Amino acid sequence: MSESITPFRIEIPQADVDDLNRRLEHARWPAEVPGAGWSRGVPVDYLKELVEYWRAGYEWREHEKRLNELAQFTSTIDGQTIHFLHIRSSRPDALPLLLLHGWPSSFLEFLDVLEPLSAHFHLVVPSLPGFAFSAPLTAAGWTTTGRAASAFADLMARLGYDRYGVHGGDTGALVGPELGRRHPDRVVGVHLSALVTFPSGADGEIDQLSGADQERWAAMEQFNDGYLQIQSKSPQTLAYGLHDSPVGQLAWILEQFAAWTDSPEGQPERRSSGTGCSPT
């Protein structure tokens, strides 16, 4: 392993945990239109219940201890700290596999599959630049898939892996194929759990879609991408609210889980079990 790889442990200062609990306890709650339900965003009563669990029923130190049982490291690549898990298989000849997460997520989304996959693969699970412990960003430009792909190619080389597979979902489903295109001599295959394509705008193109694809396109045209526009175009302005208010951050992410998991209205927990391991 390269000398530029540094062992890493999660050690959130107790003062930060205490500050988080104070912010949760003293949250200022907005009014809402009676009977609005989820039609205007996350309902106040639903969020209050979740915040109270987070404040009084969630033991961060237990989860921190569990995560620190995993082999974690950091490396500085292209001026950016990259955090990652490196789980070696018991098979010396196992194929390395790079697992790439998306938004609003982190390396934690792969916790449940680490053990079964490591029976067959050496696993490298990075935090995308700007996510989890690959933060803060040291420069602009990391939203381009090419820059992230190059960073992860460098990371795999530092780990001594010259041939490997890649899996990606959401943002990882954009970075993964780019990694394969740039380094076909290294990437043996790319597996995706998300693949989004859009009509090109050619005349009559929509008419040629199947009934199911036409329904998907109609839903896409009605999709509320306000969160995406704000994060893409005014990230610094949005950051003040999300960074300062854990309740604001929770509501921001929770609404997307509710919308994207095809869950019964008002019950996103029915479709997303979660890992219970995030400190923020």
C-alpha atoms as a PDB file:
ATOM      1  CA  MET A   1       0.000   0.000   0.000  1.00  0.00           C
ATOM      2  CA  SER A   2       1.213   3.491  -0.857  1.00  0.00           C
ATOM      3  CA  GLU A   3       2.734   5.584   1.944  1.00  0.00           C
ATOM      4  CA  SER A   4       0.265   8.320   0.979  1.00  0.00           C
ATOM      5  CA  ILE A   5      -2.548   6.247   2.540  1.00  0.00           C
ATOM      6  CA  THR A   6      -3.335   7.241   6.146  1.00  0.00           C
ATOM      7  CA  PRO A   7      -5.408   5.185   8.636  1.00  0.00           C
ATOM      8  CA  PHE A   8      -8.552   7.007   9.770  1.00  0.00           C
ATOM      9  CA  ARG A   9     -10.897   6.784  12.752  1.00  0.00           C
ATOM     10  CA  ILE A  10     -14.184   8.590  13.294  1.00  0.00           C
ATOM     11  CA  GLU A  11     -13.842  10.630  16.479  1.00  0.00           C
ATOM     12  CA  ILE A  12     -16.605  13.236  16.721  1.00  0.00           C
ATOM     13  CA  PRO A  13     -15.798  15.585  19.647  1.00  0.00           C
ATOM     14  CA  GLN A  14     -18.284  15.342  22.507  1.00  0.00           C
ATOM     15  CA  ALA A  15     -18.738  19.108  22.320  1.00  0.00           C
ATOM     16  CA  ASP A  16     -20.119  18.678  18.790  1.00  0.00           C
ATOM     17  CA  VAL A  17     -22.526  15.944  19.911  1.00  0.00           C
ATOM     18  CA  ASP A  18     -23.710  18.135  22.788  1.00  0.00           C
ATOM     19  CA  ASP A  19     -24.168  21.089  20.452  1.00  0.00           C
ATOM     20  CA  LEU A  20     -26.210  18.919  18.082  1.00  0.00           C
ATOM     21  CA  ASN A  21     -28.488  17.818  20.914  1.00  0.00           C
ATOM     22  CA  ARG A  22     -29.002  21.437  22.007  1.00  0.00           C
ATOM     23  CA  ARG A  23     -29.948  22.466  18.484  1.00  0.00           C
ATOM     24  CA  LEU A  24     -32.418  19.600  18.230  1.00  0.00           C
ATOM     25  CA  GLU A  25     -33.930  20.430  21.619  1.00  0.00           C
ATOM     26  CA  HIS A  26     -34.316  24.143  20.864  1.00  0.00           C
ATOM     27  CA  ALA A  27     -35.443  23.937  17.237  1.00  0.00           C
ATOM     28  CA  ARG A  28     -37.801  26.716  16.124  1.00  0.00           C
ATOM     29  CA  TRP A  29     -40.786  25.152  14.395  1.00  0.00           C
ATOM     30  CA  PRO A  30     -42.688  26.881  11.583  1.00  0.00           C
ATOM     31  CA  ALA A  31     -46.471  26.939  11.277  1.00  0.00           C
ATOM     32  CA  GLU A  32     -48.112  24.904   8.522  1.00  0.00           C
ATOM     33  CA  VAL A  33     -51.365  25.027   6.585  1.00  0.00           C
ATOM     34  CA  PRO A  34     -53.943  22.804   8.344  1.00  0.00           C
ATOM     35  CA  GLY A  35     -54.562  19.546   6.521  1.00  0.00           C
ATOM     36  CA  ALA A  36     -51.706  20.035   4.028  1.00  0.00           C
ATOM     37  CA  GLY A  37     -50.097  16.682   4.817  1.00  0.00           C
ATOM     38  CA  TRP A  38     -47.060  16.078   2.587  1.00  0.00           C
ATOM     39  CA  SER A  39     -48.351  18.267  -0.255  1.00  0.00           C
ATOM     40  CA  ARG A  40     -46.196  21.230   0.835  1.00  0.00           C
ATOM     41  CA  GLY A  41     -43.193  19.288   2.127  1.00  0.00           C
ATOM     42  CA  VAL A  42     -42.418  17.399   5.337  1.00  0.00           C
ATOM     43  CA  PRO A  43     -45.226  17.876   7.927  1.00  0.00           C
ATOM     44  CA  VAL A  44     -44.271  19.450  11.249  1.00  0.00           C
ATOM     45  CA  ASP A  45     -45.680  16.699  13.482  1.00  0.00           C
ATOM     46  CA  TYR A  46     -43.885  13.977  11.513  1.00  0.00           C
ATOM     47  CA  LEU A  47     -40.571  15.806  11.707  1.00  0.00           C
ATOM     48  CA  LYS A  48     -40.972  16.570  15.420  1.00  0.00           C
ATOM     49  CA  GLU A  49     -41.357  12.867  16.160  1.00  0.00           C
ATOM     50  CA  LEU A  50     -38.253  11.997  14.166  1.00  0.00           C
ATOM     51  CA  VAL A  51     -36.210  14.801  15.756  1.00  0.00           C
ATOM     52  CA  GLU A  52     -37.186  13.623  19.237  1.00  0.00           C
ATOM     53  CA  TYR A  53     -35.964  10.113  18.420  1.00  0.00           C
ATOM     54  CA  TRP A  54     -32.714  11.570  17.105  1.00  0.00           C
ATOM     55  CA  ARG A  55     -32.287  13.697  20.251  1.00  0.00           C
ATOM     56  CA  ALA A  56     -33.316  11.209  22.945  1.00  0.00           C
ATOM     57  CA  GLY A  57     -33.244   7.713  21.442  1.00  0.00           C
ATOM     58  CA  TYR A  58     -30.200   7.687  19.192  1.00  0.00           C
ATOM     59  CA  GLU A  59     -26.820   6.684  20.617  1.00  0.00           C
ATOM     60  CA  TRP A  60     -24.117   8.057  18.330  1.00  0.00           C
ATOM     61  CA  ARG A  61     -21.203   6.532  20.246  1.00  0.00           C
ATOM     62  CA  GLU A  62     -22.574   3.017  19.646  1.00  0.00           C
ATOM     63  CA  HIS A  63     -22.657   3.609  15.903  1.00  0.00           C
ATOM     64  CA  GLU A  64     -19.296   5.360  15.907  1.00  0.00           C
ATOM     65  CA  LYS A  65     -17.770   2.297  17.601  1.00  0.00           C
ATOM     66  CA  ARG A  66     -19.362   0.000  15.018  1.00  0.00           C
ATOM     67  CA  LEU A  67     -18.049   2.057  12.115  1.00  0.00           C
ATOM     68  CA  ASN A  68     -14.552   2.173  13.581  1.00  0.00           C
ATOM     69  CA  GLU A  69     -14.451  -1.615  13.393  1.00  0.00           C
ATOM     70  CA  LEU A  70     -14.162  -1.129   9.624  1.00  0.00           C
ATOM     71  CA  ALA A  71     -10.803  -0.441   7.983  1.00  0.00           C
ATOM     72  CA  GLN A  72     -10.941   3.276   7.085  1.00  0.00           C
ATOM     73  CA  PHE A  73      -8.321   5.451   5.455  1.00  0.00           C
ATOM     74  CA  THR A  74      -7.768   8.823   3.823  1.00  0.00           C
ATOM     75  CA  SER A  75      -5.545   9.959   0.975  1.00  0.00           C
ATOM     76  CA  THR A  76      -5.020  13.371  -0.587  1.00  0.00           C
ATOM     77  CA  ILE A  77      -5.645  13.282  -4.335  1.00  0.00           C
ATOM     78  CA  ASP A  78      -5.755  16.352  -6.598  1.00  0.00           C
ATOM     79  CA  GLY A  79      -5.632  18.509  -3.464  1.00  0.00           C
ATOM     80  CA  GLN A  80      -8.715  16.857  -1.947  1.00  0.00           C
ATOM     81  CA  THR A  81      -8.925  14.551   1.067  1.00  0.00           C
ATOM     82  CA  ILE A  82     -10.571  11.294  -0.007  1.00  0.00           C
ATOM     83  CA  HIS A  83     -11.970   9.045   2.729  1.00  0.00           C
ATOM     84  CA  PHE A  84     -12.617   5.379   2.014  1.00  0.00           C
ATOM     85  CA  LEU A  85     -13.169   1.912   3.401  1.00  0.00           C
ATOM     86  CA  HIS A  86     -10.769  -0.811   2.308  1.00  0.00           C
ATOM     87  CA  ILE A  87     -12.119  -4.282   3.080  1.00  0.00           C
ATOM     88  CA  ARG A  88      -9.821  -7.085   1.945  1.00  0.00           C
ATOM     89  CA  SER A  89     -11.271 -10.439   0.965  1.00  0.00           C
ATOM     90  CA  SER A  90      -9.990 -13.634   2.534  1.00  0.00           C
ATOM     91  CA  ARG A  91      -9.255 -14.736  -1.033  1.00  0.00           C
ATOM     92  CA  PRO A  92      -5.843 -13.346  -2.038  1.00  0.00           C
ATOM     93  CA  ASP A  93      -6.780 -13.542  -5.745  1.00  0.00           C
ATOM     94  CA  ALA A  94     -10.119 -11.751  -5.295  1.00  0.00           C
ATOM     95  CA  LEU A  95     -11.041  -9.070  -7.834  1.00  0.00           C
ATOM     96  CA  PRO A  96     -11.011  -5.509  -6.412  1.00  0.00           C
ATOM     97  CA  LEU A  97     -14.408  -3.793  -6.558  1.00  0.00           C
ATOM     98  CA  LEU A  98     -14.953  -0.034  -6.235  1.00  0.00           C
ATOM     99  CA  LEU A  99     -18.372   0.887  -4.750  1.00  0.00           C
ATOM    100  CA  LEU A 100     -19.604   4.444  -5.445  1.00  0.00           C
ATOM    101  CA  HIS A 101     -22.561   5.986  -3.626  1.00  0.00           C
ATOM    102  CA  GLY A 102     -24.821   8.891  -4.581  1.00  0.00           C
ATOM    103  CA  TRP A 103     -26.850  11.736  -3.032  1.00  0.00           C
ATOM    104  CA  PRO A 104     -28.305  12.058  -0.417  1.00  0.00           C
ATOM    105  CA  SER A 105     -26.134   9.260   0.842  1.00  0.00           C
ATOM    106  CA  SER A 106     -22.636   8.169   1.821  1.00  0.00           C
ATOM    107  CA  PHE A 107     -20.419   5.113   2.095  1.00  0.00           C
ATOM    108  CA  LEU A 108     -22.875   3.896   4.780  1.00  0.00           C
ATOM    109  CA  GLU A 109     -25.346   2.702   2.146  1.00  0.00           C
ATOM    110  CA  PHE A 110     -23.093  -0.300   1.497  1.00  0.00           C
ATOM    111  CA  LEU A 111     -22.755  -1.492   5.113  1.00  0.00           C
ATOM    112  CA  ASP A 112     -25.172  -4.404   4.732  1.00  0.00           C
ATOM    113  CA  VAL A 113     -23.394  -5.815   1.672  1.00  0.00           C
ATOM    114  CA  LEU A 114     -19.780  -5.515   2.829  1.00  0.00           C
ATOM    115  CA  GLU A 115     -19.643  -8.965   4.393  1.00  0.00           C
ATOM    116  CA  PRO A 116     -21.214 -10.965   1.539  1.00  0.00           C
ATOM    117  CA  LEU A 117     -19.312  -9.066  -1.147  1.00  0.00           C
ATOM    118  CA  SER A 118     -15.978  -9.363   0.635  1.00  0.00           C
ATOM    119  CA  ALA A 119     -16.254 -13.142   0.313  1.00  0.00           C
ATOM    120  CA  HIS A 120     -15.568 -12.603  -3.386  1.00  0.00           C
ATOM    121  CA  PHE A 121     -14.022  -9.126  -3.775  1.00  0.00           C
ATOM    122  CA  HIS A 122     -11.502  -6.759  -2.244  1.00  0.00           C
ATOM    123  CA  LEU A 123     -13.759  -3.746  -1.534  1.00  0.00           C
ATOM    124  CA  VAL A 124     -12.879  -0.055  -1.832  1.00  0.00           C
ATOM    125  CA  VAL A 125     -15.745   2.200  -0.735  1.00  0.00           C
ATOM    126  CA  PRO A 126     -14.892   5.913  -0.957  1.00  0.00           C
ATOM    127  CA  SER A 127     -16.831   8.937   0.176  1.00  0.00           C
ATOM    128  CA  LEU A 128     -17.408  11.102  -2.898  1.00  0.00           C
ATOM    129  CA  PRO A 129     -15.600  14.460  -2.719  1.00  0.00           C
ATOM    130  CA  GLY A 130     -17.686  16.792  -0.563  1.00  0.00           C
ATOM    131  CA  PHE A 131     -19.495  13.917   1.200  1.00  0.00           C
ATOM    132  CA  ALA A 132     -19.010  12.523   4.729  1.00  0.00           C
ATOM    133  CA  PHE A 133     -15.308  12.554   5.621  1.00  0.00           C
ATOM    134  CA  SER A 134     -14.151  13.565   2.114  1.00  0.00           C
ATOM    135  CA  ALA A 135     -15.063  17.092   3.142  1.00  0.00           C
ATOM    136  CA  PRO A 136     -14.779  20.005   3.090  1.00  0.00           C
ATOM    137  CA  LEU A 137     -14.067  20.625  -0.566  1.00  0.00           C
ATOM    138  CA  THR A 138     -10.759  22.362  -1.165  1.00  0.00           C
ATOM    139  CA  ALA A 139     -11.674  23.717  -4.618  1.00  0.00           C
ATOM    140  CA  ALA A 140     -14.511  24.037  -7.122  1.00  0.00           C
ATOM    141  CA  GLY A 141     -14.880  21.613 -10.013  1.00  0.00           C
ATOM    142  CA  TRP A 142     -15.616  18.360  -8.214  1.00  0.00           C
ATOM    143  CA  THR A 143     -19.129  18.222  -9.653  1.00  0.00           C
ATOM    144  CA  THR A 144     -17.616  17.081 -12.948  1.00  0.00           C
ATOM    145  CA  THR A 145     -17.684  13.299 -13.221  1.00  0.00           C
ATOM    146  CA  GLY A 146     -14.296  13.260 -14.943  1.00  0.00           C
ATOM    147  CA  ARG A 147     -12.450  14.788 -12.009  1.00  0.00           C
ATOM    148  CA  ALA A 148     -13.927  12.322  -9.539  1.00  0.00           C
ATOM    149  CA  ALA A 149     -13.263   9.426 -11.917  1.00  0.00           C
ATOM    150  CA  SER A 150      -9.612  10.429 -12.225  1.00  0.00           C
ATOM    151  CA  ALA A 151      -9.291  10.709  -8.444  1.00  0.00           C
ATOM    152  CA  PHE A 152     -10.671   7.217  -7.915  1.00  0.00           C
ATOM    153  CA  ALA A 153      -8.412   5.798 -10.624  1.00  0.00           C
ATOM    154  CA  ASP A 154      -5.475   7.307  -8.731  1.00  0.00           C
ATOM    155  CA  LEU A 155      -6.789   5.868  -5.466  1.00  0.00           C
ATOM    156  CA  MET A 156      -7.025   2.344  -6.879  1.00  0.00           C
ATOM    157  CA  ALA A 157      -3.492   2.667  -8.255  1.00  0.00           C
ATOM    158  CA  ARG A 158      -2.198   3.774  -4.838  1.00  0.00           C
ATOM    159  CA  LEU A 159      -3.795   0.675  -3.344  1.00  0.00           C
ATOM    160  CA  GLY A 160      -1.916  -1.455  -5.857  1.00  0.00           C
ATOM    161  CA  TYR A 161      -4.945  -2.458  -7.924  1.00  0.00           C
ATOM    162  CA  ASP A 162      -4.389  -2.348 -11.691  1.00  0.00           C
ATOM    163  CA  ARG A 163      -7.554  -4.281 -12.665  1.00  0.00           C
ATOM    164  CA  TYR A 164     -10.896  -3.842 -10.920  1.00  0.00           C
ATOM    165  CA  GLY A 165     -14.661  -3.614 -11.272  1.00  0.00           C
ATOM    166  CA  VAL A 166     -16.857  -0.611 -10.497  1.00  0.00           C
ATOM    167  CA  HIS A 167     -20.385  -0.321  -9.132  1.00  0.00           C
ATOM    168  CA  GLY A 168     -22.274   2.971  -8.913  1.00  0.00           C
ATOM    169  CA  GLY A 169     -25.697   4.348  -8.105  1.00  0.00           C
ATOM    170  CA  ASP A 170     -27.085   7.879  -8.514  1.00  0.00           C
ATOM    171  CA  THR A 171     -23.981  10.128  -8.684  1.00  0.00           C
ATOM    172  CA  GLY A 172     -21.857   6.992  -8.640  1.00  0.00           C
ATOM    173  CA  ALA A 173     -23.732   5.844 -11.744  1.00  0.00           C
ATOM    174  CA  LEU A 174     -22.310   8.880 -13.537  1.00  0.00           C
ATOM    175  CA  VAL A 175     -18.769   8.588 -12.187  1.00  0.00           C
ATOM    176  CA  GLY A 176     -18.513   4.809 -12.726  1.00  0.00           C
ATOM    177  CA  PRO A 177     -19.022   4.776 -16.513  1.00  0.00           C
ATOM    178  CA  GLU A 178     -16.676   7.741 -16.891  1.00  0.00           C
ATOM    179  CA  LEU A 179     -14.025   5.785 -15.030  1.00  0.00           C
ATOM    180  CA  GLY A 180     -14.540   2.890 -17.439  1.00  0.00           C
ATOM    181  CA  ARG A 181     -14.303   5.162 -20.489  1.00  0.00           C
ATOM    182  CA  ARG A 182     -11.102   6.792 -19.286  1.00  0.00           C
ATOM    183  CA  HIS A 183      -9.395   3.616 -18.151  1.00  0.00           C
ATOM    184  CA  PRO A 184     -10.652   0.647 -20.195  1.00  0.00           C
ATOM    185  CA  ASP A 185      -7.336  -1.088 -19.608  1.00  0.00           C
ATOM    186  CA  ARG A 186      -8.001  -1.114 -15.852  1.00  0.00           C
ATOM    187  CA  VAL A 187     -11.769  -1.412 -15.457  1.00  0.00           C
ATOM    188  CA  VAL A 188     -12.988  -4.945 -16.183  1.00  0.00           C
ATOM    189  CA  GLY A 189     -16.661  -3.988 -15.950  1.00  0.00           C
ATOM    190  CA  VAL A 190     -19.128  -1.377 -14.667  1.00  0.00           C
ATOM    191  CA  HIS A 191     -22.369  -2.284 -12.868  1.00  0.00           C
ATOM    192  CA  LEU A 192     -25.031   0.376 -12.260  1.00  0.00           C
ATOM    193  CA  SER A 193     -28.087   0.513 -10.017  1.00  0.00           C
ATOM    194  CA  ALA A 194     -29.308   3.691 -11.724  1.00  0.00           C
ATOM    195  CA  LEU A 195     -29.333   4.653 -15.388  1.00  0.00           C
ATOM    196  CA  VAL A 196     -31.084   7.879 -16.394  1.00  0.00           C
ATOM    197  CA  THR A 197     -31.501   8.902 -20.024  1.00  0.00           C
ATOM    198  CA  PHE A 198     -33.536  11.709 -21.574  1.00  0.00           C
ATOM    199  CA  PRO A 199     -35.188  12.195 -24.989  1.00  0.00           C
ATOM    200  CA  SER A 200     -32.985  14.081 -27.422  1.00  0.00           C
ATOM    201  CA  GLY A 201     -35.776  16.359 -28.606  1.00  0.00           C
ATOM    202  CA  ALA A 202     -36.128  14.866 -32.102  1.00  0.00           C
ATOM    203  CA  ASP A 203     -39.534  15.230 -33.768  1.00  0.00           C
ATOM    204  CA  GLY A 204     -41.861  12.345 -32.978  1.00  0.00           C
ATOM    205  CA  GLU A 205     -39.438  10.793 -30.520  1.00  0.00           C
ATOM    206  CA  ILE A 206     -41.904  10.744 -27.624  1.00  0.00           C
ATOM    207  CA  ASP A 207     -44.573   9.124 -29.823  1.00  0.00           C
ATOM    208  CA  GLN A 208     -42.281   6.158 -30.396  1.00  0.00           C
ATOM    209  CA  LEU A 209     -41.839   5.432 -26.691  1.00  0.00           C
ATOM    210  CA  SER A 210     -43.634   2.487 -25.102  1.00  0.00           C
ATOM    211  CA  GLY A 211     -46.614   3.185 -22.877  1.00  0.00           C
ATOM    212  CA  ALA A 212     -44.518   2.613 -19.753  1.00  0.00           C
ATOM    213  CA  ASP A 213     -41.779   4.969 -20.962  1.00  0.00           C
ATOM    214  CA  GLN A 214     -44.344   7.636 -21.855  1.00  0.00           C
ATOM    215  CA  GLU A 215     -45.675   7.429 -18.295  1.00  0.00           C
ATOM    216  CA  ARG A 216     -42.129   7.786 -16.978  1.00  0.00           C
ATOM    217  CA  TRP A 217     -41.513  10.807 -19.175  1.00  0.00           C
ATOM    218  CA  ALA A 218     -44.778  12.431 -18.051  1.00  0.00           C
ATOM    219  CA  ALA A 219     -43.740  11.902 -14.414  1.00  0.00           C
ATOM    220  CA  MET A 220     -40.292  13.343 -15.144  1.00  0.00           C
ATOM    221  CA  GLU A 221     -41.830  16.491 -16.619  1.00  0.00           C
ATOM    222  CA  GLN A 222     -43.793  16.981 -13.387  1.00  0.00           C
ATOM    223  CA  PHE A 223     -40.822  16.195 -11.161  1.00  0.00           C
ATOM    224  CA  ASN A 224     -40.038  18.828  -8.542  1.00  0.00           C
ATOM    225  CA  ASP A 225     -36.344  19.457  -9.129  1.00  0.00           C
ATOM    226  CA  GLY A 226     -36.270  22.630  -7.056  1.00  0.00           C
ATOM    227  CA  TYR A 227     -33.826  21.055  -4.607  1.00  0.00           C
ATOM    228  CA  LEU A 228     -31.510  20.162  -7.495  1.00  0.00           C
ATOM    229  CA  GLN A 229     -31.635  23.656  -8.980  1.00  0.00           C
ATOM    230  CA  ILE A 230     -30.855  25.296  -5.639  1.00  0.00           C
ATOM    231  CA  GLN A 231     -28.007  22.917  -4.814  1.00  0.00           C
ATOM    232  CA  SER A 232     -26.544  23.341  -8.291  1.00  0.00           C
ATOM    233  CA  LYS A 233     -26.882  27.106  -8.639  1.00  0.00           C
ATOM    234  CA  SER A 234     -26.818  28.553  -5.109  1.00  0.00           C
ATOM    235  CA  PRO A 235     -25.025  25.978  -2.950  1.00  0.00           C
ATOM    236  CA  GLN A 236     -23.343  28.516  -0.676  1.00  0.00           C
ATOM    237  CA  THR A 237     -26.602  30.285   0.163  1.00  0.00           C
ATOM    238  CA  LEU A 238     -28.342  26.998   0.912  1.00  0.00           C
ATOM    239  CA  ALA A 239     -25.372  25.807   2.978  1.00  0.00           C
ATOM    240  CA  TYR A 240     -26.002  28.346   5.729  1.00  0.00           C
ATOM    241  CA  GLY A 241     -29.383  26.843   6.583  1.00  0.00           C
ATOM    242  CA  LEU A 242     -28.361  23.202   6.162  1.00  0.00           C
ATOM    243  CA  HIS A 243     -25.068  23.594   8.044  1.00  0.00           C
ATOM    244  CA  ASP A 244     -26.502  25.607  10.924  1.00  0.00           C
ATOM    245  CA  SER A 245     -29.747  23.679  11.426  1.00  0.00           C
ATOM    246  CA  PRO A 246     -29.712  19.881  11.815  1.00  0.00           C
ATOM    247  CA  VAL A 247     -33.515  19.945  11.640  1.00  0.00           C
ATOM    248  CA  GLY A 248     -33.322  21.806   8.322  1.00  0.00           C
ATOM    249  CA  GLN A 249     -30.815  19.265   7.020  1.00  0.00           C
ATOM    250  CA  LEU A 250     -33.005  16.381   8.157  1.00  0.00           C
ATOM    251  CA  ALA A 251     -36.121  17.778   6.478  1.00  0.00           C
ATOM    252  CA  TRP A 252     -34.209  18.533   3.265  1.00  0.00           C
ATOM    253  CA  ILE A 253     -33.032  14.938   2.897  1.00  0.00           C
ATOM    254  CA  LEU A 254     -36.159  13.293   4.307  1.00  0.00           C
ATOM    255  CA  GLU A 255     -38.404  14.840   1.659  1.00  0.00           C
ATOM    256  CA  GLN A 256     -36.321  13.214  -1.073  1.00  0.00           C
ATOM    257  CA  PHE A 257     -36.417   9.809   0.624  1.00  0.00           C
ATOM    258  CA  ALA A 258     -40.202  10.128   0.822  1.00  0.00           C
ATOM    259  CA  ALA A 259     -40.482  11.111  -2.858  1.00  0.00           C
ATOM    260  CA  TRP A 260     -38.026   8.577  -4.282  1.00  0.00           C
ATOM    261  CA  THR A 261     -38.897   5.398  -2.398  1.00  0.00           C
ATOM    262  CA  ASP A 262     -42.438   4.936  -3.764  1.00  0.00           C
ATOM    263  CA  SER A 263     -43.617   4.731  -0.158  1.00  0.00           C
ATOM    264  CA  PRO A 264     -47.172   5.073   1.162  1.00  0.00           C
ATOM    265  CA  GLU A 265     -47.868   8.785   1.611  1.00  0.00           C
ATOM    266  CA  GLY A 266     -46.389   9.995   4.857  1.00  0.00           C
ATOM    267  CA  GLN A 267     -44.535   6.744   5.584  1.00  0.00           C
ATOM    268  CA  PRO A 268     -41.061   6.866   3.989  1.00  0.00           C
ATOM    269  CA  GLU A 269     -39.791   4.602   6.777  1.00  0.00           C
ATOM    270  CA  ARG A 270     -41.807   1.771   5.168  1.00  0.00           C
ATOM    271  CA  ARG A 271     -39.371   1.762   2.225  1.00  0.00           C
ATOM    272  CA  SER A 272     -36.016   2.851   3.693  1.00  0.00           C
ATOM    273  CA  SER A 273     -34.681   0.984   6.694  1.00  0.00           C
ATOM    274  CA  GLY A 274     -31.568   3.192   6.948  1.00  0.00           C
ATOM    275  CA  THR A 275     -28.366   2.357   8.790  1.00  0.00           C
ATOM    276  CA  GLY A 276     -28.760   4.543  11.835  1.00  0.00           C
ATOM    277  CA  CYS A 277     -25.131   5.598  11.599  1.00  0.00           C
ATOM    278  CA  SER A 278     -25.075   9.231  10.486  1.00  0.00           C
ATOM    279  CA  PRO A 279     -23.952  11.887  12.990  1.00  0.00           C
ATOM    280  CA  THR A 280     -25.525  14.753  11.031  1.00  0.00           C
END
